Amino acid sequence: MTETFTPPTRFAVPGRIAVSNRAAAVWQTATLTEIRRETPYVSTFRFAVPAWAGHLPGQHLMLRLTAQDGYVAQRHYSIASAPDDEGYIELTLDHVEGGEVSGWFHTVAEPGDEIEVRGPLSGFFAWPGDRPALLIGAGSGVVPLMSMVRHHRARGLSVPLRMLVSARGPQDLVYADELGEETTPVFTRSAPEGVPVGRMAAAHVAPLLAEQPSGGWEAYVCGSNAFAEHASRLLVEAGQPVDRIRIERFG
């Protein structure tokens, strides 16, 4: 999410700490096991966290890096993996210009490195899989939404789920190879031949509201402040109740 710390520092791998079952309150060691490139500027980092207590799709965690001189940087990051991935969590991170934490991950980190994590945190944006979910995200805002999609697939849930995701172009579409029929991509700068280019609009949102499932949609919106305001406005204008729109912002 937000990168606010000052000039980049090269971080050493922190020493191992004791693992507690009170995962949400206690820092745990997470060992990096895999790095997967998603787009030119976005990668997924997979961690083994043996004592991870589990999470709900949409929740996030606190991550901590400690430099050799004792300097500490902490960030909140959404969890990309489904809860069913027992003992492992995945984070999908943008390489933010000037971002010391994202910069370390994208230029220094390698499998075997250890960091510290604490969580899961916050239940407001969580989706337990018990109600129809309409997911709308832009850029890396798709990360917590993808946790919901993966959970839906892993459990074989029959509850309706749809996702609208906005990206500058096909090369910037995070998880492009994993997206399925539940997802409609919107491209704002370049698109495959025959696909219109433009900002997310009422024409994208209204058809989903028109197919209102039994019980109605619970809408989850994640992206920058500007995108969150825009997408929420589209939802309300299409008839989505304000009290059934959950928003997570970054930037």
C-alpha atoms as a PDB file:
ATOM      1  CA  MET A   1       0.000   0.000   0.000  1.00  0.00           C
ATOM      2  CA  THR A   2       1.381   3.449   0.929  1.00  0.00           C
ATOM      3  CA  GLU A   3       5.110   4.105   0.645  1.00  0.00           C
ATOM      4  CA  THR A   4       5.923   7.038   2.954  1.00  0.00           C
ATOM      5  CA  PHE A   5       9.376   6.431   4.418  1.00  0.00           C
ATOM      6  CA  THR A   6      12.445   8.452   3.526  1.00  0.00           C
ATOM      7  CA  PRO A   7      15.448   7.556   1.328  1.00  0.00           C
ATOM      8  CA  PRO A   8      15.901   3.850   0.544  1.00  0.00           C
ATOM      9  CA  THR A   9      17.952   1.720   2.913  1.00  0.00           C
ATOM     10  CA  ARG A  10      19.474  -1.659   2.069  1.00  0.00           C
ATOM     11  CA  PHE A  11      17.928  -4.018   4.603  1.00  0.00           C
ATOM     12  CA  ALA A  12      19.588  -7.023   6.155  1.00  0.00           C
ATOM     13  CA  VAL A  13      17.545 -10.164   6.711  1.00  0.00           C
ATOM     14  CA  PRO A  14      16.234  -9.939  10.307  1.00  0.00           C
ATOM     15  CA  GLY A  15      17.008 -12.686  12.777  1.00  0.00           C
ATOM     16  CA  ARG A  16      14.465 -15.405  13.488  1.00  0.00           C
ATOM     17  CA  ILE A  17      11.926 -14.595  16.169  1.00  0.00           C
ATOM     18  CA  ALA A  18       9.706 -16.825  18.250  1.00  0.00           C
ATOM     19  CA  VAL A  19       6.422 -17.825  16.635  1.00  0.00           C
ATOM     20  CA  SER A  20       3.230 -17.403  18.636  1.00  0.00           C
ATOM     21  CA  ASN A  21      -0.249 -18.722  17.956  1.00  0.00           C
ATOM     22  CA  ARG A  22      -1.549 -15.203  18.683  1.00  0.00           C
ATOM     23  CA  ALA A  23      -0.616 -14.323  15.125  1.00  0.00           C
ATOM     24  CA  ALA A  24      -2.627 -11.143  14.892  1.00  0.00           C
ATOM     25  CA  ALA A  25      -0.815  -9.612  17.868  1.00  0.00           C
ATOM     26  CA  VAL A  26       2.679 -11.092  17.641  1.00  0.00           C
ATOM     27  CA  TRP A  27       5.358 -10.715  14.992  1.00  0.00           C
ATOM     28  CA  GLN A  28       6.184 -13.933  13.156  1.00  0.00           C
ATOM     29  CA  THR A  29       9.022 -14.901  10.856  1.00  0.00           C
ATOM     30  CA  ALA A  30       8.066 -15.336   7.204  1.00  0.00           C
ATOM     31  CA  THR A  31      10.537 -17.014   4.843  1.00  0.00           C
ATOM     32  CA  LEU A  32      10.491 -15.986   1.199  1.00  0.00           C
ATOM     33  CA  THR A  33      10.141 -19.117  -0.953  1.00  0.00           C
ATOM     34  CA  GLU A  34       9.248 -17.838  -4.429  1.00  0.00           C
ATOM     35  CA  ILE A  35       9.099 -14.672  -6.539  1.00  0.00           C
ATOM     36  CA  ARG A  36       6.774 -14.495  -9.562  1.00  0.00           C
ATOM     37  CA  ARG A  37       6.712 -11.635 -12.049  1.00  0.00           C
ATOM     38  CA  GLU A  38       3.149 -10.434 -12.755  1.00  0.00           C
ATOM     39  CA  THR A  39       3.817  -7.311 -14.864  1.00  0.00           C
ATOM     40  CA  PRO A  40       6.962  -5.263 -15.621  1.00  0.00           C
ATOM     41  CA  TYR A  41       6.506  -3.409 -12.306  1.00  0.00           C
ATOM     42  CA  VAL A  42       4.582  -5.875 -10.142  1.00  0.00           C
ATOM     43  CA  SER A  43       5.696  -9.167  -8.582  1.00  0.00           C
ATOM     44  CA  THR A  44       4.206 -11.718  -6.216  1.00  0.00           C
ATOM     45  CA  PHE A  45       6.238 -12.833  -3.199  1.00  0.00           C
ATOM     46  CA  ARG A  46       5.351 -16.150  -1.588  1.00  0.00           C
ATOM     47  CA  PHE A  47       6.234 -16.775   2.067  1.00  0.00           C
ATOM     48  CA  ALA A  48       6.204 -19.777   4.336  1.00  0.00           C
ATOM     49  CA  VAL A  49       4.664 -18.806   7.693  1.00  0.00           C
ATOM     50  CA  PRO A  50       4.226 -22.080   9.615  1.00  0.00           C
ATOM     51  CA  ALA A  51       2.249 -20.568  12.495  1.00  0.00           C
ATOM     52  CA  TRP A  52      -0.011 -18.368  10.353  1.00  0.00           C
ATOM     53  CA  ALA A  53      -3.446 -18.467  11.975  1.00  0.00           C
ATOM     54  CA  GLY A  54      -5.320 -17.993   8.707  1.00  0.00           C
ATOM     55  CA  HIS A  55      -7.168 -15.005   7.329  1.00  0.00           C
ATOM     56  CA  LEU A  56     -10.307 -13.950   5.490  1.00  0.00           C
ATOM     57  CA  PRO A  57     -10.073 -12.834   1.851  1.00  0.00           C
ATOM     58  CA  GLY A  58      -9.634  -9.076   1.813  1.00  0.00           C
ATOM     59  CA  GLN A  59      -7.659  -8.785   5.042  1.00  0.00           C
ATOM     60  CA  HIS A  60      -4.151  -7.357   5.228  1.00  0.00           C
ATOM     61  CA  LEU A  61      -1.049  -7.686   7.383  1.00  0.00           C
ATOM     62  CA  MET A  62       1.745  -5.561   8.776  1.00  0.00           C
ATOM     63  CA  LEU A  63       5.215  -6.248   7.383  1.00  0.00           C
ATOM     64  CA  ARG A  64       8.455  -5.227   9.098  1.00  0.00           C
ATOM     65  CA  LEU A  65      12.003  -4.890   7.768  1.00  0.00           C
ATOM     66  CA  THR A  66      14.954  -4.096  10.028  1.00  0.00           C
ATOM     67  CA  ALA A  67      18.199  -2.630   8.660  1.00  0.00           C
ATOM     68  CA  GLN A  68      21.648  -3.584   9.939  1.00  0.00           C
ATOM     69  CA  ASP A  69      21.846  -0.244  11.755  1.00  0.00           C
ATOM     70  CA  GLY A  70      18.567  -0.949  13.566  1.00  0.00           C
ATOM     71  CA  TYR A  71      16.385   1.257  11.379  1.00  0.00           C
ATOM     72  CA  VAL A  72      12.900  -0.250  11.018  1.00  0.00           C
ATOM     73  CA  ALA A  73      10.324   0.212   8.256  1.00  0.00           C
ATOM     74  CA  GLN A  74       6.770  -1.122   8.470  1.00  0.00           C
ATOM     75  CA  ARG A  75       4.039  -1.309   5.847  1.00  0.00           C
ATOM     76  CA  HIS A  76       0.479  -2.571   5.564  1.00  0.00           C
ATOM     77  CA  TYR A  77      -0.008  -4.913   2.604  1.00  0.00           C
ATOM     78  CA  SER A  78      -3.092  -6.736   1.395  1.00  0.00           C
ATOM     79  CA  ILE A  79      -2.879 -10.529   1.347  1.00  0.00           C
ATOM     80  CA  ALA A  80      -3.186 -11.949  -2.166  1.00  0.00           C
ATOM     81  CA  SER A  81      -3.472 -15.639  -1.358  1.00  0.00           C
ATOM     82  CA  ALA A  82      -6.614 -17.514  -0.384  1.00  0.00           C
ATOM     83  CA  PRO A  83      -7.008 -18.717   3.212  1.00  0.00           C
ATOM     84  CA  ASP A  84      -6.890 -22.287   1.918  1.00  0.00           C
ATOM     85  CA  ASP A  85      -3.151 -21.987   1.225  1.00  0.00           C
ATOM     86  CA  GLU A  86      -2.278 -23.267   4.702  1.00  0.00           C
ATOM     87  CA  GLY A  87       1.121 -22.287   6.054  1.00  0.00           C
ATOM     88  CA  TYR A  88       1.802 -19.852   3.211  1.00  0.00           C
ATOM     89  CA  ILE A  89       0.844 -16.299   2.346  1.00  0.00           C
ATOM     90  CA  GLU A  90       1.420 -14.283  -0.812  1.00  0.00           C
ATOM     91  CA  LEU A  91       1.898 -10.548  -1.242  1.00  0.00           C
ATOM     92  CA  THR A  92       1.770  -8.838  -4.629  1.00  0.00           C
ATOM     93  CA  LEU A  93       3.741  -5.590  -4.610  1.00  0.00           C
ATOM     94  CA  ASP A  94       4.194  -2.663  -6.976  1.00  0.00           C
ATOM     95  CA  HIS A  95       7.748  -1.420  -7.443  1.00  0.00           C
ATOM     96  CA  VAL A  96       7.022   2.090  -6.185  1.00  0.00           C
ATOM     97  CA  GLU A  97       9.501   4.741  -7.325  1.00  0.00           C
ATOM     98  CA  GLY A  98      11.535   5.753  -4.285  1.00  0.00           C
ATOM     99  CA  GLY A  99       9.805   3.164  -2.130  1.00  0.00           C
ATOM    100  CA  GLU A 100      12.332   1.704   0.266  1.00  0.00           C
ATOM    101  CA  VAL A 101      10.324  -1.399   1.172  1.00  0.00           C
ATOM    102  CA  SER A 102       9.013  -2.200  -2.302  1.00  0.00           C
ATOM    103  CA  GLY A 103      12.458  -1.315  -3.667  1.00  0.00           C
ATOM    104  CA  TRP A 104      14.092  -3.863  -1.351  1.00  0.00           C
ATOM    105  CA  PHE A 105      11.650  -6.545  -2.433  1.00  0.00           C
ATOM    106  CA  HIS A 106      12.105  -5.870  -6.141  1.00  0.00           C
ATOM    107  CA  THR A 107      15.876  -5.385  -6.212  1.00  0.00           C
ATOM    108  CA  VAL A 108      17.385  -7.205  -3.215  1.00  0.00           C
ATOM    109  CA  ALA A 109      15.083  -9.911  -1.864  1.00  0.00           C
ATOM    110  CA  GLU A 110      15.608 -13.518  -2.880  1.00  0.00           C
ATOM    111  CA  PRO A 111      14.257 -16.906  -1.754  1.00  0.00           C
ATOM    112  CA  GLY A 112      15.512 -17.802   1.689  1.00  0.00           C
ATOM    113  CA  ASP A 113      15.295 -14.247   3.044  1.00  0.00           C
ATOM    114  CA  GLU A 114      13.293 -13.755   6.215  1.00  0.00           C
ATOM    115  CA  ILE A 115      11.052 -10.853   7.155  1.00  0.00           C
ATOM    116  CA  GLU A 116       8.561 -10.307   9.971  1.00  0.00           C
ATOM    117  CA  VAL A 117       4.783 -10.175   9.638  1.00  0.00           C
ATOM    118  CA  ARG A 118       1.893  -9.551  11.982  1.00  0.00           C
ATOM    119  CA  GLY A 119      -1.744 -10.251  11.248  1.00  0.00           C
ATOM    120  CA  PRO A 120      -4.252 -10.743   9.856  1.00  0.00           C
ATOM    121  CA  LEU A 121      -5.606  -7.253  10.416  1.00  0.00           C
ATOM    122  CA  SER A 122      -8.989  -5.572   9.883  1.00  0.00           C
ATOM    123  CA  GLY A 123     -12.235  -7.319   9.053  1.00  0.00           C
ATOM    124  CA  PHE A 124     -14.058  -4.436   7.382  1.00  0.00           C
ATOM    125  CA  PHE A 125     -12.962  -5.296   3.842  1.00  0.00           C
ATOM    126  CA  ALA A 126     -13.092  -9.065   4.391  1.00  0.00           C
ATOM    127  CA  TRP A 127     -15.389 -11.335   2.370  1.00  0.00           C
ATOM    128  CA  PRO A 128     -16.155 -14.640   4.114  1.00  0.00           C
ATOM    129  CA  GLY A 129     -17.800 -16.111   0.999  1.00  0.00           C
ATOM    130  CA  ASP A 130     -21.329 -16.022   2.374  1.00  0.00           C
ATOM    131  CA  ARG A 131     -22.875 -13.346   0.128  1.00  0.00           C
ATOM    132  CA  PRO A 132     -22.806 -12.312  -3.555  1.00  0.00           C
ATOM    133  CA  ALA A 133     -19.693 -10.206  -4.156  1.00  0.00           C
ATOM    134  CA  LEU A 134     -19.167  -7.528  -6.789  1.00  0.00           C
ATOM    135  CA  LEU A 135     -15.460  -6.660  -6.890  1.00  0.00           C
ATOM    136  CA  ILE A 136     -14.086  -3.504  -8.525  1.00  0.00           C
ATOM    137  CA  GLY A 137     -10.388  -2.649  -8.554  1.00  0.00           C
ATOM    138  CA  ALA A 138      -7.697  -0.763 -10.423  1.00  0.00           C
ATOM    139  CA  GLY A 139      -3.996  -1.551 -10.729  1.00  0.00           C
ATOM    140  CA  SER A 140      -2.705  -3.234  -7.590  1.00  0.00           C
ATOM    141  CA  GLY A 141      -6.144  -2.686  -6.065  1.00  0.00           C
ATOM    142  CA  VAL A 142      -6.947  -6.093  -7.533  1.00  0.00           C
ATOM    143  CA  VAL A 143      -4.736  -7.795  -4.892  1.00  0.00           C
ATOM    144  CA  PRO A 144      -7.254  -8.262  -2.027  1.00  0.00           C
ATOM    145  CA  LEU A 145      -9.980  -8.916  -4.604  1.00  0.00           C
ATOM    146  CA  MET A 146      -7.918 -11.748  -6.086  1.00  0.00           C
ATOM    147  CA  SER A 147      -7.783 -13.351  -2.654  1.00  0.00           C
ATOM    148  CA  MET A 148     -11.586 -13.405  -2.792  1.00  0.00           C
ATOM    149  CA  VAL A 149     -11.634 -14.880  -6.301  1.00  0.00           C
ATOM    150  CA  ARG A 150      -9.139 -17.578  -5.302  1.00  0.00           C
ATOM    151  CA  HIS A 151     -11.177 -18.406  -2.206  1.00  0.00           C
ATOM    152  CA  HIS A 152     -14.331 -18.651  -4.328  1.00  0.00           C
ATOM    153  CA  ARG A 153     -12.604 -21.104  -6.670  1.00  0.00           C
ATOM    154  CA  ALA A 154     -10.800 -23.139  -4.008  1.00  0.00           C
ATOM    155  CA  ARG A 155     -14.013 -23.755  -2.083  1.00  0.00           C
ATOM    156  CA  GLY A 156     -16.162 -24.265  -5.184  1.00  0.00           C
ATOM    157  CA  LEU A 157     -18.610 -21.670  -3.858  1.00  0.00           C
ATOM    158  CA  SER A 158     -21.894 -21.253  -5.704  1.00  0.00           C
ATOM    159  CA  VAL A 159     -22.567 -17.732  -4.402  1.00  0.00           C
ATOM    160  CA  PRO A 160     -22.302 -15.253  -7.320  1.00  0.00           C
ATOM    161  CA  LEU A 161     -19.043 -13.345  -7.725  1.00  0.00           C
ATOM    162  CA  ARG A 162     -18.095 -10.842 -10.439  1.00  0.00           C
ATOM    163  CA  MET A 163     -15.029  -8.635 -10.848  1.00  0.00           C
ATOM    164  CA  LEU A 164     -14.306  -5.491 -12.840  1.00  0.00           C
ATOM    165  CA  VAL A 165     -10.640  -4.544 -12.984  1.00  0.00           C
ATOM    166  CA  SER A 166      -9.066  -1.493 -14.580  1.00  0.00           C
ATOM    167  CA  ALA A 167      -5.519  -1.419 -15.998  1.00  0.00           C
ATOM    168  CA  ARG A 168      -3.604   0.893 -18.325  1.00  0.00           C
ATOM    169  CA  GLY A 169      -3.090  -1.892 -20.841  1.00  0.00           C
ATOM    170  CA  PRO A 170      -2.841  -5.688 -21.163  1.00  0.00           C
ATOM    171  CA  GLN A 171       0.805  -5.597 -20.071  1.00  0.00           C
ATOM    172  CA  ASP A 172      -0.255  -3.918 -16.802  1.00  0.00           C
ATOM    173  CA  LEU A 173      -3.067  -6.334 -15.947  1.00  0.00           C
ATOM    174  CA  VAL A 174      -2.032  -8.060 -12.720  1.00  0.00           C
ATOM    175  CA  TYR A 175      -2.831 -11.810 -12.634  1.00  0.00           C
ATOM    176  CA  ALA A 176      -3.736 -11.707 -16.334  1.00  0.00           C
ATOM    177  CA  ASP A 177      -3.095 -15.442 -16.815  1.00  0.00           C
ATOM    178  CA  GLU A 178      -5.267 -16.314 -13.840  1.00  0.00           C
ATOM    179  CA  LEU A 179      -8.358 -14.246 -14.551  1.00  0.00           C
ATOM    180  CA  GLY A 180     -11.443 -16.159 -15.673  1.00  0.00           C
ATOM    181  CA  GLU A 181     -15.023 -15.700 -16.781  1.00  0.00           C
ATOM    182  CA  GLU A 182     -15.904 -13.893 -13.552  1.00  0.00           C
ATOM    183  CA  THR A 183     -13.640 -10.975 -14.571  1.00  0.00           C
ATOM    184  CA  THR A 184     -14.124  -8.123 -17.023  1.00  0.00           C
ATOM    185  CA  PRO A 185     -10.970  -6.061 -17.712  1.00  0.00           C
ATOM    186  CA  VAL A 186     -11.194  -2.359 -18.594  1.00  0.00           C
ATOM    187  CA  PHE A 187      -8.191  -0.801 -20.360  1.00  0.00           C
ATOM    188  CA  THR A 188      -7.617   2.928 -20.057  1.00  0.00           C
ATOM    189  CA  ARG A 189      -4.683   3.545 -22.458  1.00  0.00           C
ATOM    190  CA  SER A 190      -4.196   0.582 -24.778  1.00  0.00           C
ATOM    191  CA  ALA A 191      -6.186  -2.573 -25.454  1.00  0.00           C
ATOM    192  CA  PRO A 192      -6.254  -5.639 -27.697  1.00  0.00           C
ATOM    193  CA  GLU A 193      -7.732  -5.096 -31.133  1.00  0.00           C
ATOM    194  CA  GLY A 194     -11.481  -4.703 -30.997  1.00  0.00           C
ATOM    195  CA  VAL A 195     -11.558  -3.834 -27.284  1.00  0.00           C
ATOM    196  CA  PRO A 196     -12.536  -0.244 -26.485  1.00  0.00           C
ATOM    197  CA  VAL A 197     -10.138   1.998 -24.566  1.00  0.00           C
ATOM    198  CA  GLY A 198     -11.358   4.312 -21.839  1.00  0.00           C
ATOM    199  CA  ARG A 199     -12.031   4.910 -18.180  1.00  0.00           C
ATOM    200  CA  MET A 200     -14.381   2.627 -16.268  1.00  0.00           C
ATOM    201  CA  ALA A 201     -17.877   3.900 -16.945  1.00  0.00           C
ATOM    202  CA  ALA A 202     -21.552   3.306 -16.249  1.00  0.00           C
ATOM    203  CA  ALA A 203     -21.652   0.972 -19.242  1.00  0.00           C
ATOM    204  CA  HIS A 204     -19.348  -1.410 -17.355  1.00  0.00           C
ATOM    205  CA  VAL A 205     -21.118  -1.238 -13.988  1.00  0.00           C
ATOM    206  CA  ALA A 206     -24.815  -1.023 -14.900  1.00  0.00           C
ATOM    207  CA  PRO A 207     -25.108  -4.508 -16.492  1.00  0.00           C
ATOM    208  CA  LEU A 208     -23.739  -6.112 -13.321  1.00  0.00           C
ATOM    209  CA  LEU A 209     -26.222  -4.233 -11.147  1.00  0.00           C
ATOM    210  CA  ALA A 210     -28.985  -5.249 -13.552  1.00  0.00           C
ATOM    211  CA  GLU A 211     -28.249  -8.943 -12.921  1.00  0.00           C
ATOM    212  CA  GLN A 212     -28.772  -8.393  -9.180  1.00  0.00           C
ATOM    213  CA  PRO A 213     -28.595 -11.813  -7.463  1.00  0.00           C
ATOM    214  CA  SER A 214     -30.872 -12.893  -4.646  1.00  0.00           C
ATOM    215  CA  GLY A 215     -29.990 -10.821  -1.603  1.00  0.00           C
ATOM    216  CA  GLY A 216     -28.184  -8.217  -3.711  1.00  0.00           C
ATOM    217  CA  TRP A 217     -24.497  -7.511  -4.170  1.00  0.00           C
ATOM    218  CA  GLU A 218     -21.988  -6.648  -1.497  1.00  0.00           C
ATOM    219  CA  ALA A 219     -19.609  -4.348  -3.400  1.00  0.00           C
ATOM    220  CA  TYR A 220     -15.866  -4.209  -2.690  1.00  0.00           C
ATOM    221  CA  VAL A 221     -13.884  -1.343  -4.233  1.00  0.00           C
ATOM    222  CA  CYS A 222     -10.093  -1.109  -4.002  1.00  0.00           C
ATOM    223  CA  GLY A 223      -7.721   1.361  -5.635  1.00  0.00           C
ATOM    224  CA  SER A 224      -6.354   4.876  -5.396  1.00  0.00           C
ATOM    225  CA  ASN A 225      -8.383   7.621  -3.760  1.00  0.00           C
ATOM    226  CA  ALA A 226      -9.464   8.980  -7.139  1.00  0.00           C
ATOM    227  CA  PHE A 227     -10.448   5.563  -8.463  1.00  0.00           C
ATOM    228  CA  ALA A 228     -12.325   4.630  -5.293  1.00  0.00           C
ATOM    229  CA  GLU A 229     -14.395   7.816  -5.486  1.00  0.00           C
ATOM    230  CA  HIS A 230     -15.101   7.308  -9.178  1.00  0.00           C
ATOM    231  CA  ALA A 231     -16.058   3.642  -8.898  1.00  0.00           C
ATOM    232  CA  SER A 232     -18.227   4.243  -5.840  1.00  0.00           C
ATOM    233  CA  ARG A 233     -20.065   7.008  -7.650  1.00  0.00           C
ATOM    234  CA  LEU A 234     -20.747   4.687 -10.584  1.00  0.00           C
ATOM    235  CA  LEU A 235     -22.124   2.053  -8.237  1.00  0.00           C
ATOM    236  CA  VAL A 236     -24.443   4.455  -6.440  1.00  0.00           C
ATOM    237  CA  GLU A 237     -25.708   5.912  -9.725  1.00  0.00           C
ATOM    238  CA  ALA A 238     -26.431   2.368 -10.924  1.00  0.00           C
ATOM    239  CA  GLY A 239     -28.519   1.663  -7.818  1.00  0.00           C
ATOM    240  CA  GLN A 240     -26.095   0.016  -5.378  1.00  0.00           C
ATOM    241  CA  PRO A 241     -27.002   0.913  -1.753  1.00  0.00           C
ATOM    242  CA  VAL A 242     -24.326   3.085  -0.165  1.00  0.00           C
ATOM    243  CA  ASP A 243     -24.246   0.950   2.975  1.00  0.00           C
ATOM    244  CA  ARG A 244     -23.330  -2.084   0.857  1.00  0.00           C
ATOM    245  CA  ILE A 245     -20.176  -0.593  -0.647  1.00  0.00           C
ATOM    246  CA  ARG A 246     -16.893  -1.371   1.128  1.00  0.00           C
ATOM    247  CA  ILE A 247     -13.881   0.687   0.094  1.00  0.00           C
ATOM    248  CA  GLU A 248     -10.152   0.190   0.595  1.00  0.00           C
ATOM    249  CA  ARG A 249      -7.912   3.008  -0.618  1.00  0.00           C
ATOM    250  CA  PHE A 250      -4.186   3.330  -1.145  1.00  0.00           C
ATOM    251  CA  GLY A 251      -1.830   6.049  -2.272  1.00  0.00           C
END
